[in-house]
Amino acid sequence: PVNARYDITDGIKLESSMVCRKGQEYFSLIR
C-alpha cells in the first residue's frame, strides 16, 4: 500500500537456508 502502514513481520521470511548453494550470492543482495 502507498503511504500506509503494512506489516512485513507476518510474512514468511526468506532465509539463507531456503536458497541453494549457488544462490547464496544473489540472496545476499535481497535479504
PDB file of all heavy atoms in Angstrom:
ATOM      1  N   PRO A   1       0.842  -1.203   0.000  1.00  0.00           N
ATOM      2  CA  PRO A   1       0.000   0.000   0.000  1.00  0.00           C
ATOM      3  C   PRO A   1       0.878   1.254   0.000  1.00  0.00           C
ATOM      4  O   PRO A   1       1.915   1.303   0.663  1.00  0.00           O
ATOM      5  CB  PRO A   1      -0.777  -0.115   1.315  1.00  0.00           C
ATOM      6  CG  PRO A   1      -0.714  -1.563   1.679  1.00  0.00           C
ATOM      7  CD  PRO A   1       0.602  -2.063   1.172  1.00  0.00           C
ATOM      8  N   VAL A   2       0.489   2.262  -0.783  1.00  0.00           N
ATOM      9  CA  VAL A   2       1.246   3.504  -0.847  1.00  0.00           C
ATOM     10  C   VAL A   2       0.923   4.367   0.376  1.00  0.00           C
ATOM     11  O   VAL A   2      -0.233   4.572   0.704  1.00  0.00           O
ATOM     12  CB  VAL A   2       0.905   4.288  -2.131  1.00  0.00           C
ATOM     13  CG1 VAL A   2       1.657   5.614  -2.176  1.00  0.00           C
ATOM     14  CG2 VAL A   2       1.236   3.448  -3.357  1.00  0.00           C
ATOM     15  N   ASN A   3       1.976   4.878   1.033  1.00  0.00           N
ATOM     16  CA  ASN A   3       1.817   5.797   2.164  1.00  0.00           C
ATOM     17  C   ASN A   3       0.883   5.250   3.232  1.00  0.00           C
ATOM     18  O   ASN A   3       0.043   5.958   3.781  1.00  0.00           O
ATOM     19  CB  ASN A   3       1.307   7.162   1.686  1.00  0.00           C
ATOM     20  CG  ASN A   3       2.270   7.821   0.728  1.00  0.00           C
ATOM     21  OD1 ASN A   3       3.481   7.693   0.876  1.00  0.00           O
ATOM     22  ND2 ASN A   3       1.734   8.525  -0.263  1.00  0.00           N
ATOM     23  N   ALA A   4       0.989   3.957   3.515  1.00  0.00           N
ATOM     24  CA  ALA A   4       0.168   3.353   4.556  1.00  0.00           C
ATOM     25  C   ALA A   4       1.008   2.357   5.333  1.00  0.00           C
ATOM     26  O   ALA A   4       2.033   1.870   4.847  1.00  0.00           O
ATOM     27  CB  ALA A   4      -1.049   2.663   3.947  1.00  0.00           C
ATOM     28  N   ARG A   5       0.581   2.064   6.523  1.00  0.00           N
ATOM     29  CA  ARG A   5       1.296   1.074   7.327  1.00  0.00           C
ATOM     30  C   ARG A   5       1.027  -0.324   6.776  1.00  0.00           C
ATOM     31  O   ARG A   5      -0.088  -0.653   6.390  1.00  0.00           O
ATOM     32  CB  ARG A   5       0.834   1.144   8.782  1.00  0.00           C
ATOM     33  CG  ARG A   5       1.259   2.412   9.502  1.00  0.00           C
ATOM     34  CD  ARG A   5       0.776   2.396  10.941  1.00  0.00           C
ATOM     35  NE  ARG A   5       1.310   1.256  11.672  1.00  0.00           N
ATOM     36  CZ  ARG A   5       2.501   1.234  12.262  1.00  0.00           C
ATOM     37  NH1 ARG A   5       3.303   2.284  12.171  1.00  0.00           N
ATOM     38  NH2 ARG A   5       2.909   0.172  12.930  1.00  0.00           N
ATOM     39  N   TYR A   6       2.036  -1.113   6.735  1.00  0.00           N
ATOM     40  CA  TYR A   6       1.857  -2.505   6.354  1.00  0.00           C
ATOM     41  C   TYR A   6       2.819  -3.340   7.193  1.00  0.00           C
ATOM     42  O   TYR A   6       3.875  -2.870   7.615  1.00  0.00           O
ATOM     43  CB  TYR A   6       2.092  -2.726   4.860  1.00  0.00           C
ATOM     44  CG  TYR A   6       3.383  -2.150   4.334  1.00  0.00           C
ATOM     45  CD1 TYR A   6       4.567  -2.888   4.385  1.00  0.00           C
ATOM     46  CD2 TYR A   6       3.432  -0.866   3.781  1.00  0.00           C
ATOM     47  CE1 TYR A   6       5.749  -2.362   3.907  1.00  0.00           C
ATOM     48  CE2 TYR A   6       4.611  -0.339   3.303  1.00  0.00           C
ATOM     49  CZ  TYR A   6       5.764  -1.094   3.374  1.00  0.00           C
ATOM     50  OH  TYR A   6       6.940  -0.568   2.897  1.00  0.00           O
ATOM     51  N   ASP A   7       2.448  -4.566   7.414  1.00  0.00           N
ATOM     52  CA  ASP A   7       3.175  -5.404   8.356  1.00  0.00           C
ATOM     53  C   ASP A   7       3.951  -6.482   7.604  1.00  0.00           C
ATOM     54  O   ASP A   7       3.364  -7.412   7.068  1.00  0.00           O
ATOM     55  CB  ASP A   7       2.192  -6.052   9.329  1.00  0.00           C
ATOM     56  CG  ASP A   7       2.904  -6.791  10.459  1.00  0.00           C
ATOM     57  OD1 ASP A   7       4.150  -6.774  10.479  1.00  0.00           O
ATOM     58  OD2 ASP A   7       2.215  -7.374  11.295  1.00  0.00           O
ATOM     59  N   ILE A   8       5.270  -6.348   7.565  1.00  0.00           N
ATOM     60  CA  ILE A   8       6.077  -7.377   6.914  1.00  0.00           C
ATOM     61  C   ILE A   8       6.434  -8.503   7.879  1.00  0.00           C
ATOM     62  O   ILE A   8       6.905  -9.553   7.458  1.00  0.00           O
ATOM     63  CB  ILE A   8       7.365  -6.791   6.289  1.00  0.00           C
ATOM     64  CG1 ILE A   8       8.275  -6.172   7.354  1.00  0.00           C
ATOM     65  CG2 ILE A   8       7.039  -5.807   5.197  1.00  0.00           C
ATOM     66  CD1 ILE A   8       9.628  -5.769   6.825  1.00  0.00           C
ATOM     67  N   THR A   9       6.186  -8.295   9.177  1.00  0.00           N
ATOM     68  CA  THR A   9       6.555  -9.333  10.145  1.00  0.00           C
ATOM     69  C   THR A   9       5.658 -10.551  10.019  1.00  0.00           C
ATOM     70  O   THR A   9       6.032 -11.641  10.456  1.00  0.00           O
ATOM     71  CB  THR A   9       6.488  -8.786  11.583  1.00  0.00           C
ATOM     72  OG1 THR A   9       5.134  -8.366  11.867  1.00  0.00           O
ATOM     73  CG2 THR A   9       7.422  -7.614  11.763  1.00  0.00           C
ATOM     74  N   ASP A  10       4.480 -10.402   9.436  1.00  0.00           N
ATOM     75  CA  ASP A  10       3.577 -11.541   9.272  1.00  0.00           C
ATOM     76  C   ASP A  10       3.904 -12.378   8.048  1.00  0.00           C
ATOM     77  O   ASP A  10       3.270 -13.411   7.814  1.00  0.00           O
ATOM     78  CB  ASP A  10       2.126 -11.053   9.172  1.00  0.00           C
ATOM     79  CG  ASP A  10       1.558 -10.653  10.528  1.00  0.00           C
ATOM     80  OD1 ASP A  10       2.181 -11.008  11.544  1.00  0.00           O
ATOM     81  OD2 ASP A  10       0.516  -9.987  10.559  1.00  0.00           O
ATOM     82  N   GLY A  11       4.853 -11.948   7.268  1.00  0.00           N
ATOM     83  CA  GLY A  11       5.220 -12.708   6.089  1.00  0.00           C
ATOM     84  C   GLY A  11       6.139 -13.869   6.425  1.00  0.00           C
ATOM     85  O   GLY A  11       6.723 -13.953   7.510  1.00  0.00           O
ATOM     86  N   ILE A  12       6.256 -14.796   5.479  1.00  0.00           N
ATOM     87  CA  ILE A  12       7.218 -15.888   5.622  1.00  0.00           C
ATOM     88  C   ILE A  12       8.583 -15.333   5.231  1.00  0.00           C
ATOM     89  O   ILE A  12       8.800 -14.941   4.087  1.00  0.00           O
ATOM     90  CB  ILE A  12       6.837 -17.077   4.720  1.00  0.00           C
ATOM     91  CG1 ILE A  12       5.421 -17.548   5.034  1.00  0.00           C
ATOM     92  CG2 ILE A  12       7.840 -18.213   4.890  1.00  0.00           C
ATOM     93  CD1 ILE A  12       4.909 -18.601   4.070  1.00  0.00           C
ATOM     94  N   LYS A  13       9.489 -15.265   6.169  1.00  0.00           N
ATOM     95  CA  LYS A  13      10.790 -14.633   5.932  1.00  0.00           C
ATOM     96  C   LYS A  13      11.664 -15.537   5.076  1.00  0.00           C
ATOM     97  O   LYS A  13      11.759 -16.745   5.304  1.00  0.00           O
ATOM     98  CB  LYS A  13      11.473 -14.330   7.267  1.00  0.00           C
ATOM     99  CG  LYS A  13      12.779 -13.554   7.126  1.00  0.00           C
ATOM    100  CD  LYS A  13      13.332 -13.161   8.479  1.00  0.00           C
ATOM    101  CE  LYS A  13      14.688 -12.469   8.371  1.00  0.00           C
ATOM    102  NZ  LYS A  13      14.625 -11.259   7.547  1.00  0.00           N
ATOM    103  N   LEU A  14      12.317 -14.928   4.107  1.00  0.00           N
ATOM    104  CA  LEU A  14      13.241 -15.662   3.252  1.00  0.00           C
ATOM    105  C   LEU A  14      14.585 -15.773   3.954  1.00  0.00           C
ATOM    106  O   LEU A  14      15.240 -14.769   4.230  1.00  0.00           O
ATOM    107  CB  LEU A  14      13.394 -14.949   1.908  1.00  0.00           C
ATOM    108  CG  LEU A  14      14.262 -15.636   0.856  1.00  0.00           C
ATOM    109  CD1 LEU A  14      13.685 -17.005   0.480  1.00  0.00           C
ATOM    110  CD2 LEU A  14      14.382 -14.772  -0.394  1.00  0.00           C
ATOM    111  N   GLU A  15      14.991 -16.990   4.274  1.00  0.00           N
ATOM    112  CA  GLU A  15      16.241 -17.259   4.981  1.00  0.00           C
ATOM    113  C   GLU A  15      17.271 -17.836   4.015  1.00  0.00           C
ATOM    114  O   GLU A  15      16.927 -18.392   2.969  1.00  0.00           O
ATOM    115  CB  GLU A  15      15.993 -18.250   6.122  1.00  0.00           C
ATOM    116  CG  GLU A  15      14.868 -17.872   7.077  1.00  0.00           C
ATOM    117  CD  GLU A  15      15.309 -16.843   8.106  1.00  0.00           C
ATOM    118  OE1 GLU A  15      16.499 -16.467   8.083  1.00  0.00           O
ATOM    119  OE2 GLU A  15      14.474 -16.434   8.925  1.00  0.00           O
ATOM    120  N   SER A  16      18.531 -17.743   4.399  1.00  0.00           N
ATOM    121  CA  SER A  16      19.599 -18.263   3.537  1.00  0.00           C
ATOM    122  C   SER A  16      19.464 -19.769   3.326  1.00  0.00           C
ATOM    123  O   SER A  16      19.854 -20.290   2.276  1.00  0.00           O
ATOM    124  CB  SER A  16      20.969 -17.939   4.131  1.00  0.00           C
ATOM    125  OG  SER A  16      21.140 -18.571   5.381  1.00  0.00           O
ATOM    126  N   SER A  17      18.892 -20.478   4.315  1.00  0.00           N
ATOM    127  CA  SER A  17      18.717 -21.925   4.187  1.00  0.00           C
ATOM    128  C   SER A  17      17.689 -22.290   3.123  1.00  0.00           C
ATOM    129  O   SER A  17      17.591 -23.462   2.720  1.00  0.00           O
ATOM    130  CB  SER A  17      18.282 -22.520   5.528  1.00  0.00           C
ATOM    131  OG  SER A  17      17.046 -21.956   5.945  1.00  0.00           O
ATOM    132  N   MET A  18      16.926 -21.310   2.653  1.00  0.00           N
ATOM    133  CA  MET A  18      15.896 -21.547   1.649  1.00  0.00           C
ATOM    134  C   MET A  18      16.410 -21.325   0.233  1.00  0.00           C
ATOM    135  O   MET A  18      15.635 -21.383  -0.720  1.00  0.00           O
ATOM    136  CB  MET A  18      14.698 -20.634   1.908  1.00  0.00           C
ATOM    137  CG  MET A  18      14.022 -20.866   3.232  1.00  0.00           C
ATOM    138  SD  MET A  18      12.712 -19.639   3.528  1.00  0.00           S
ATOM    139  CE  MET A  18      12.027 -20.229   5.081  1.00  0.00           C
ATOM    140  N   VAL A  19      17.701 -21.046   0.097  1.00  0.00           N
ATOM    141  CA  VAL A  19      18.316 -20.801  -1.198  1.00  0.00           C
ATOM    142  C   VAL A  19      19.463 -21.783  -1.370  1.00  0.00           C
ATOM    143  O   VAL A  19      20.242 -22.012  -0.436  1.00  0.00           O
ATOM    144  CB  VAL A  19      18.841 -19.349  -1.308  1.00  0.00           C
ATOM    145  CG1 VAL A  19      19.320 -19.051  -2.715  1.00  0.00           C
ATOM    146  CG2 VAL A  19      17.764 -18.353  -0.894  1.00  0.00           C
ATOM    147  N   CYS A  20      19.583 -22.364  -2.550  1.00  0.00           N
ATOM    148  CA  CYS A  20      20.636 -23.362  -2.766  1.00  0.00           C
ATOM    149  C   CYS A  20      22.019 -22.713  -2.715  1.00  0.00           C
ATOM    150  O   CYS A  20      22.157 -21.491  -2.717  1.00  0.00           O
ATOM    151  CB  CYS A  20      20.422 -24.072  -4.102  1.00  0.00           C
ATOM    152  SG  CYS A  20      20.836 -23.084  -5.557  1.00  0.00           S
ATOM    153  N   ARG A  21      23.029 -23.537  -2.686  1.00  0.00           N
ATOM    154  CA  ARG A  21      24.410 -23.049  -2.541  1.00  0.00           C
ATOM    155  C   ARG A  21      24.775 -22.056  -3.634  1.00  0.00           C
ATOM    156  O   ARG A  21      25.386 -21.014  -3.381  1.00  0.00           O
ATOM    157  CB  ARG A  21      25.373 -24.247  -2.581  1.00  0.00           C
ATOM    158  CG  ARG A  21      26.852 -23.863  -2.463  1.00  0.00           C
ATOM    159  CD  ARG A  21      27.726 -25.100  -2.526  1.00  0.00           C
ATOM    160  NE  ARG A  21      27.466 -25.875  -3.705  1.00  0.00           N
ATOM    161  CZ  ARG A  21      27.976 -25.617  -4.914  1.00  0.00           C
ATOM    162  NH1 ARG A  21      28.766 -24.562  -5.092  1.00  0.00           N
ATOM    163  NH2 ARG A  21      27.698 -26.391  -5.949  1.00  0.00           N
ATOM    164  N   LYS A  22      24.369 -22.340  -4.867  1.00  0.00           N
ATOM    165  CA  LYS A  22      24.714 -21.451  -5.974  1.00  0.00           C
ATOM    166  C   LYS A  22      23.994 -20.106  -5.891  1.00  0.00           C
ATOM    167  O   LYS A  22      24.390 -19.153  -6.566  1.00  0.00           O
ATOM    168  CB  LYS A  22      24.386 -22.119  -7.312  1.00  0.00           C
ATOM    169  CG  LYS A  22      25.308 -23.282  -7.671  1.00  0.00           C
ATOM    170  CD  LYS A  22      24.977 -23.830  -9.044  1.00  0.00           C
ATOM    171  CE  LYS A  22      25.954 -24.933  -9.441  1.00  0.00           C
ATOM    172  NZ  LYS A  22      25.637 -25.495 -10.785  1.00  0.00           N
ATOM    173  N   GLY A  23      22.957 -20.031  -5.060  1.00  0.00           N
ATOM    174  CA  GLY A  23      22.185 -18.802  -4.986  1.00  0.00           C
ATOM    175  C   GLY A  23      22.527 -17.910  -3.819  1.00  0.00           C
ATOM    176  O   GLY A  23      21.877 -16.869  -3.620  1.00  0.00           O
ATOM    177  N   GLN A  24      23.556 -18.270  -3.034  1.00  0.00           N
ATOM    178  CA  GLN A  24      23.839 -17.501  -1.824  1.00  0.00           C
ATOM    179  C   GLN A  24      24.297 -16.074  -2.129  1.00  0.00           C
ATOM    180  O   GLN A  24      23.964 -15.133  -1.402  1.00  0.00           O
ATOM    181  CB  GLN A  24      24.885 -18.231  -0.978  1.00  0.00           C
ATOM    182  CG  GLN A  24      24.360 -19.505  -0.335  1.00  0.00           C
ATOM    183  CD  GLN A  24      23.156 -19.257   0.565  1.00  0.00           C
ATOM    184  OE1 GLN A  24      23.163 -18.355   1.400  1.00  0.00           O
ATOM    185  NE2 GLN A  24      22.117 -20.062   0.389  1.00  0.00           N
ATOM    186  N   GLU A  25      25.039 -15.893  -3.186  1.00  0.00           N
ATOM    187  CA  GLU A  25      25.482 -14.544  -3.535  1.00  0.00           C
ATOM    188  C   GLU A  25      24.285 -13.672  -3.896  1.00  0.00           C
ATOM    189  O   GLU A  25      24.198 -12.509  -3.468  1.00  0.00           O
ATOM    190  CB  GLU A  25      26.477 -14.589  -4.696  1.00  0.00           C
ATOM    191  CG  GLU A  25      27.014 -13.210  -5.082  1.00  0.00           C
ATOM    192  CD  GLU A  25      28.021 -13.267  -6.214  1.00  0.00           C
ATOM    193  OE1 GLU A  25      28.394 -14.389  -6.642  1.00  0.00           O
ATOM    194  OE2 GLU A  25      28.442 -12.197  -6.686  1.00  0.00           O
ATOM    195  N   TYR A  26      23.361 -14.231  -4.652  1.00  0.00           N
ATOM    196  CA  TYR A  26      22.160 -13.470  -5.008  1.00  0.00           C
ATOM    197  C   TYR A  26      21.323 -13.183  -3.764  1.00  0.00           C
ATOM    198  O   TYR A  26      20.795 -12.077  -3.591  1.00  0.00           O
ATOM    199  CB  TYR A  26      21.326 -14.229  -6.032  1.00  0.00           C
ATOM    200  CG  TYR A  26      20.087 -13.490  -6.458  1.00  0.00           C
ATOM    201  CD1 TYR A  26      20.164 -12.345  -7.240  1.00  0.00           C
ATOM    202  CD2 TYR A  26      18.828 -13.935  -6.062  1.00  0.00           C
ATOM    203  CE1 TYR A  26      19.024 -11.653  -7.621  1.00  0.00           C
ATOM    204  CE2 TYR A  26      17.678 -13.244  -6.437  1.00  0.00           C
ATOM    205  CZ  TYR A  26      17.789 -12.113  -7.209  1.00  0.00           C
ATOM    206  OH  TYR A  26      16.655 -11.432  -7.575  1.00  0.00           O
ATOM    207  N   PHE A  27      21.220 -14.168  -2.878  1.00  0.00           N
ATOM    208  CA  PHE A  27      20.447 -13.968  -1.653  1.00  0.00           C
ATOM    209  C   PHE A  27      20.981 -12.802  -0.832  1.00  0.00           C
ATOM    210  O   PHE A  27      20.216 -12.032  -0.254  1.00  0.00           O
ATOM    211  CB  PHE A  27      20.445 -15.248  -0.804  1.00  0.00           C
ATOM    212  CG  PHE A  27      19.856 -15.061   0.562  1.00  0.00           C
ATOM    213  CD1 PHE A  27      18.493 -14.925   0.737  1.00  0.00           C
ATOM    214  CD2 PHE A  27      20.678 -14.993   1.677  1.00  0.00           C
ATOM    215  CE1 PHE A  27      17.948 -14.728   1.999  1.00  0.00           C
ATOM    216  CE2 PHE A  27      20.147 -14.799   2.941  1.00  0.00           C
ATOM    217  CZ  PHE A  27      18.772 -14.663   3.108  1.00  0.00           C
ATOM    218  N   SER A  28      22.287 -12.632  -0.812  1.00  0.00           N
ATOM    219  CA  SER A  28      22.890 -11.555  -0.025  1.00  0.00           C
ATOM    220  C   SER A  28      22.449 -10.176  -0.534  1.00  0.00           C
ATOM    221  O   SER A  28      22.468  -9.205   0.229  1.00  0.00           O
ATOM    222  CB  SER A  28      24.415 -11.656  -0.057  1.00  0.00           C
ATOM    223  OG  SER A  28      24.919 -11.387  -1.360  1.00  0.00           O
ATOM    224  N   LEU A  29      22.029 -10.101  -1.803  1.00  0.00           N
ATOM    225  CA  LEU A  29      21.599  -8.827  -2.378  1.00  0.00           C
ATOM    226  C   LEU A  29      20.155  -8.479  -2.021  1.00  0.00           C
ATOM    227  O   LEU A  29      19.764  -7.314  -2.067  1.00  0.00           O
ATOM    228  CB  LEU A  29      21.747  -8.869  -3.899  1.00  0.00           C
ATOM    229  CG  LEU A  29      23.148  -9.132  -4.451  1.00  0.00           C
ATOM    230  CD1 LEU A  29      23.094  -9.253  -5.974  1.00  0.00           C
ATOM    231  CD2 LEU A  29      24.111  -8.036  -4.040  1.00  0.00           C
ATOM    232  N   ILE A  30      19.362  -9.478  -1.668  1.00  0.00           N
ATOM    233  CA  ILE A  30      17.935  -9.235  -1.448  1.00  0.00           C
ATOM    234  C   ILE A  30      17.488  -9.498  -0.017  1.00  0.00           C
ATOM    235  O   ILE A  30      16.342  -9.188   0.327  1.00  0.00           O
ATOM    236  CB  ILE A  30      17.079 -10.113  -2.396  1.00  0.00           C
ATOM    237  CG1 ILE A  30      17.264 -11.592  -2.080  1.00  0.00           C
ATOM    238  CG2 ILE A  30      17.420  -9.820  -3.856  1.00  0.00           C
ATOM    239  CD1 ILE A  30      16.295 -12.499  -2.829  1.00  0.00           C
ATOM    240  N   ARG A  31      18.359  -9.990   0.829  1.00  0.00           N
ATOM    241  CA  ARG A  31      17.958 -10.483   2.145  1.00  0.00           C
ATOM    242  C   ARG A  31      17.280  -9.418   3.002  1.00  0.00           C
ATOM    243  O   ARG A  31      16.395  -9.744   3.805  1.00  0.00           O
ATOM    244  CB  ARG A  31      19.160 -11.065   2.885  1.00  0.00           C
ATOM    245  CG  ARG A  31      20.256 -10.068   3.197  1.00  0.00           C
ATOM    246  CD  ARG A  31      21.464 -10.765   3.810  1.00  0.00           C
ATOM    247  NE  ARG A  31      21.094 -11.541   4.966  1.00  0.00           N
ATOM    248  CZ  ARG A  31      21.850 -12.513   5.470  1.00  0.00           C
ATOM    249  NH1 ARG A  31      23.003 -12.821   4.895  1.00  0.00           N
ATOM    250  NH2 ARG A  31      21.441 -13.176   6.528  1.00  0.00           N
TER     251      ARG A  31
END
